[in-house]
Amino acid sequence: MIEPKIALPRLQPGMLRRPHLLEMVDGDGGATLTMVNAPVGYGKTTLLRLWCIERSEAVVWMTLDAADDDPVRLWTHLATAVERLGQGLGGRTLMSLGVRGAPVEAAVDELMNGLVAYGRPVAIVLDDL
C-alpha cells in the first residue's frame, strides 16, 4: 500500500504571518467545513500550515493527488492518518476497507464514529483537493 502524505509541509524561515487570513480560516469557531480556494501560488498551503501550528486540537494533514479520486484509497489514507492519533481510531475503518466489495460508506461511518468517540476536536486538512 502507498503511504499517505500526512506530514505537515515545512515552512520557510521568514514566512509572513497573516492574522486577518488566519482569523478568516477560523471563522466563528463553529464551522464544520472550511474551504480555501485561490489560484496556484497564492499561499493556501502556507496559510493552512500556519493555522495548524496554532491549533490546540489534533491535526490530520493529507496532501492529495489524482489517485485519491478512488474512494477506497482516499478513505484508507485518511483512516491511516487518523489512526496515528492513537487509540485505534482508524483501525476498524481500515479493517472494513480491507474487505473486498464492502461498501465504502460503512467504513466512513466507522471512521466518523471513531472520531466522535475520541471526544476531542480534530482538524482534518485535505491539501490539493
C-alpha atoms as a PDB file:
ATOM      1  CA  MET A   1       0.000   0.000   0.000  1.00  0.00           C
ATOM      2  CA  ILE A   2       1.194   3.511  -0.786  1.00  0.00           C
ATOM      3  CA  GLU A   3       1.877   5.554   2.339  1.00  0.00           C
ATOM      4  CA  PRO A   4      -0.309   8.687   2.531  1.00  0.00           C
ATOM      5  CA  LYS A   5       1.374  12.067   2.696  1.00  0.00           C
ATOM      6  CA  ILE A   6       0.216  13.196   6.105  1.00  0.00           C
ATOM      7  CA  ALA A   7       3.146  15.221   7.416  1.00  0.00           C
ATOM      8  CA  LEU A   8       2.650  18.947   7.668  1.00  0.00           C
ATOM      9  CA  PRO A   9       4.554  20.802   4.951  1.00  0.00           C
ATOM     10  CA  ARG A  10       7.674  22.647   6.068  1.00  0.00           C
ATOM     11  CA  LEU A  11       7.603  26.381   6.493  1.00  0.00           C
ATOM     12  CA  GLN A  12      10.369  28.525   5.099  1.00  0.00           C
ATOM     13  CA  PRO A  13      12.163  30.867   7.522  1.00  0.00           C
ATOM     14  CA  GLY A  14      10.784  34.384   7.485  1.00  0.00           C
ATOM     15  CA  MET A  15       7.269  33.433   6.366  1.00  0.00           C
ATOM     16  CA  LEU A  16       4.815  36.262   6.847  1.00  0.00           C
ATOM     17  CA  ARG A  17       2.028  35.569   9.354  1.00  0.00           C
ATOM     18  CA  ARG A  18      -1.288  36.944   8.097  1.00  0.00           C
ATOM     19  CA  PRO A  19      -3.550  37.271  11.136  1.00  0.00           C
ATOM     20  CA  HIS A  20      -6.571  38.510   9.185  1.00  0.00           C
ATOM     21  CA  LEU A  21      -6.482  35.448   6.902  1.00  0.00           C
ATOM     22  CA  LEU A  22      -5.930  33.096   9.848  1.00  0.00           C
ATOM     23  CA  GLU A  23      -8.990  34.620  11.532  1.00  0.00           C
ATOM     24  CA  MET A  24     -10.992  34.058   8.357  1.00  0.00           C
ATOM     25  CA  VAL A  25      -9.993  30.379   8.324  1.00  0.00           C
ATOM     26  CA  ASP A  26     -11.030  30.117  11.976  1.00  0.00           C
ATOM     27  CA  GLY A  27     -14.403  31.659  11.177  1.00  0.00           C
ATOM     28  CA  ASP A  28     -16.725  31.818  14.148  1.00  0.00           C
ATOM     29  CA  GLY A  29     -15.289  28.623  15.615  1.00  0.00           C
ATOM     30  CA  GLY A  30     -18.423  26.652  14.789  1.00  0.00           C
ATOM     31  CA  ALA A  31     -17.623  25.754  11.185  1.00  0.00           C
ATOM     32  CA  THR A  32     -17.510  22.078  10.375  1.00  0.00           C
ATOM     33  CA  LEU A  33     -16.079  22.672   6.902  1.00  0.00           C
ATOM     34  CA  THR A  34     -13.911  25.459   5.590  1.00  0.00           C
ATOM     35  CA  MET A  35     -12.684  25.587   2.002  1.00  0.00           C
ATOM     36  CA  VAL A  36      -9.760  27.780   0.985  1.00  0.00           C
ATOM     37  CA  ASN A  37      -9.817  28.461  -2.747  1.00  0.00           C
ATOM     38  CA  ALA A  38      -7.286  30.534  -4.692  1.00  0.00           C
ATOM     39  CA  PRO A  39      -5.073  30.145  -7.752  1.00  0.00           C
ATOM     40  CA  VAL A  40      -1.813  28.177  -7.638  1.00  0.00           C
ATOM     41  CA  GLY A  41       0.942  30.034  -5.811  1.00  0.00           C
ATOM     42  CA  TYR A  42      -1.263  32.246  -3.654  1.00  0.00           C
ATOM     43  CA  GLY A  43      -0.118  30.620  -0.395  1.00  0.00           C
ATOM     44  CA  LYS A  44      -3.044  28.365   0.529  1.00  0.00           C
ATOM     45  CA  THR A  45      -0.801  25.579   1.842  1.00  0.00           C
ATOM     46  CA  THR A  46       1.383  28.037   3.747  1.00  0.00           C
ATOM     47  CA  LEU A  47      -1.665  29.697   5.303  1.00  0.00           C
ATOM     48  CA  LEU A  48      -3.132  26.384   6.416  1.00  0.00           C
ATOM     49  CA  ARG A  49       0.223  25.194   7.736  1.00  0.00           C
ATOM     50  CA  LEU A  50       0.470  28.314   9.895  1.00  0.00           C
ATOM     51  CA  TRP A  51      -3.134  27.778  11.012  1.00  0.00           C
ATOM     52  CA  CYS A  52      -2.330  24.182  12.008  1.00  0.00           C
ATOM     53  CA  ILE A  53       0.650  25.255  14.095  1.00  0.00           C
ATOM     54  CA  GLU A  54      -1.624  27.467  16.181  1.00  0.00           C
ATOM     55  CA  ARG A  55      -4.258  24.764  16.784  1.00  0.00           C
ATOM     56  CA  SER A  56      -4.674  23.303  20.232  1.00  0.00           C
ATOM     57  CA  GLU A  57      -6.535  20.281  18.853  1.00  0.00           C
ATOM     58  CA  ALA A  58      -5.058  17.378  16.946  1.00  0.00           C
ATOM     59  CA  VAL A  59      -4.427  17.975  13.251  1.00  0.00           C
ATOM     60  CA  VAL A  60      -4.543  15.389  10.489  1.00  0.00           C
ATOM     61  CA  TRP A  61      -2.967  16.653   7.261  1.00  0.00           C
ATOM     62  CA  MET A  62      -3.226  14.876   3.913  1.00  0.00           C
ATOM     63  CA  THR A  63      -1.814  16.065   0.622  1.00  0.00           C
ATOM     64  CA  LEU A  64      -3.971  14.555  -2.102  1.00  0.00           C
ATOM     65  CA  ASP A  65      -3.162  13.619  -5.673  1.00  0.00           C
ATOM     66  CA  ALA A  66      -5.159  12.354  -8.663  1.00  0.00           C
ATOM     67  CA  ALA A  67      -5.012   8.728  -7.453  1.00  0.00           C
ATOM     68  CA  ASP A  68      -7.020   9.769  -4.392  1.00  0.00           C
ATOM     69  CA  ASP A  69     -10.065  10.079  -6.653  1.00  0.00           C
ATOM     70  CA  ASP A  70     -10.537   6.399  -5.801  1.00  0.00           C
ATOM     71  CA  PRO A  71     -12.805   6.393  -2.714  1.00  0.00           C
ATOM     72  CA  VAL A  72     -11.212   3.291  -1.167  1.00  0.00           C
ATOM     73  CA  ARG A  73      -7.736   4.775  -1.497  1.00  0.00           C
ATOM     74  CA  LEU A  74      -8.854   8.172  -0.143  1.00  0.00           C
ATOM     75  CA  TRP A  75     -10.596   6.746   2.916  1.00  0.00           C
ATOM     76  CA  THR A  76      -7.807   4.245   3.538  1.00  0.00           C
ATOM     77  CA  HIS A  77      -5.288   7.068   3.628  1.00  0.00           C
ATOM     78  CA  LEU A  78      -7.496   9.212   5.839  1.00  0.00           C
ATOM     79  CA  ALA A  79      -8.117   6.311   8.234  1.00  0.00           C
ATOM     80  CA  THR A  80      -4.361   5.643   8.353  1.00  0.00           C
ATOM     81  CA  ALA A  81      -3.731   9.289   9.187  1.00  0.00           C
ATOM     82  CA  VAL A  82      -6.408   9.290  11.886  1.00  0.00           C
ATOM     83  CA  GLU A  83      -5.023   6.011  13.274  1.00  0.00           C
ATOM     84  CA  ARG A  84      -1.786   7.861  14.005  1.00  0.00           C
ATOM     85  CA  LEU A  85      -3.656   9.912  16.601  1.00  0.00           C
ATOM     86  CA  GLY A  86      -3.715   6.714  18.635  1.00  0.00           C
ATOM     87  CA  GLN A  87      -6.408   4.809  20.490  1.00  0.00           C
ATOM     88  CA  GLY A  88      -7.268   2.697  17.441  1.00  0.00           C
ATOM     89  CA  LEU A  89      -9.326   5.485  15.889  1.00  0.00           C
ATOM     90  CA  GLY A  90      -8.914   4.307  12.308  1.00  0.00           C
ATOM     91  CA  GLY A  91      -8.383   0.599  12.880  1.00  0.00           C
ATOM     92  CA  ARG A  92     -11.964  -0.560  12.354  1.00  0.00           C
ATOM     93  CA  THR A  93     -12.211   1.599   9.258  1.00  0.00           C
ATOM     94  CA  LEU A  94      -9.059   0.052   7.829  1.00  0.00           C
ATOM     95  CA  MET A  95     -10.451  -3.430   8.502  1.00  0.00           C
ATOM     96  CA  SER A  96     -13.726  -2.504   6.763  1.00  0.00           C
ATOM     97  CA  LEU A  97     -11.883  -1.089   3.759  1.00  0.00           C
ATOM     98  CA  GLY A  98      -9.763  -4.229   3.561  1.00  0.00           C
ATOM     99  CA  VAL A  99     -12.816  -6.385   2.813  1.00  0.00           C
ATOM    100  CA  ARG A 100     -13.145  -6.652  -0.955  1.00  0.00           C
ATOM    101  CA  GLY A 101     -16.518  -5.386  -2.142  1.00  0.00           C
ATOM    102  CA  ALA A 102     -17.530  -3.933   1.216  1.00  0.00           C
ATOM    103  CA  PRO A 103     -19.387  -0.619   0.921  1.00  0.00           C
ATOM    104  CA  VAL A 104     -17.143   2.399   1.458  1.00  0.00           C
ATOM    105  CA  GLU A 105     -19.994   4.146   3.249  1.00  0.00           C
ATOM    106  CA  ALA A 106     -19.816   1.648   6.126  1.00  0.00           C
ATOM    107  CA  ALA A 107     -16.100   2.333   6.527  1.00  0.00           C
ATOM    108  CA  VAL A 108     -16.709   6.096   6.517  1.00  0.00           C
ATOM    109  CA  ASP A 109     -19.333   5.622   9.233  1.00  0.00           C
ATOM    110  CA  GLU A 110     -16.782   3.644  11.279  1.00  0.00           C
ATOM    111  CA  LEU A 111     -14.256   6.454  10.934  1.00  0.00           C
ATOM    112  CA  MET A 112     -16.759   9.131  11.928  1.00  0.00           C
ATOM    113  CA  ASN A 113     -17.863   7.043  14.924  1.00  0.00           C
ATOM    114  CA  GLY A 114     -14.220   6.665  15.959  1.00  0.00           C
ATOM    115  CA  LEU A 115     -13.657  10.407  15.761  1.00  0.00           C
ATOM    116  CA  VAL A 116     -16.796  11.082  17.806  1.00  0.00           C
ATOM    117  CA  ALA A 117     -15.687   8.517  20.404  1.00  0.00           C
ATOM    118  CA  TYR A 118     -12.289  10.242  20.549  1.00  0.00           C
ATOM    119  CA  GLY A 119     -14.145  13.028  22.350  1.00  0.00           C
ATOM    120  CA  ARG A 120     -11.754  15.806  21.377  1.00  0.00           C
ATOM    121  CA  PRO A 121     -11.727  18.117  18.382  1.00  0.00           C
ATOM    122  CA  VAL A 122      -9.692  17.046  15.364  1.00  0.00           C
ATOM    123  CA  ALA A 123      -8.884  19.321  12.431  1.00  0.00           C
ATOM    124  CA  ILE A 124      -8.578  17.458   9.123  1.00  0.00           C
ATOM    125  CA  VAL A 125      -6.814  19.301   6.296  1.00  0.00           C
ATOM    126  CA  LEU A 126      -7.084  17.933   2.769  1.00  0.00           C
ATOM    127  CA  ASP A 127      -4.493  19.834   0.753  1.00  0.00           C
ATOM    128  CA  ASP A 128      -4.734  19.962  -3.056  1.00  0.00           C
ATOM    129  CA  LEU A 129      -8.361  18.842  -3.075  1.00  0.00           C
END
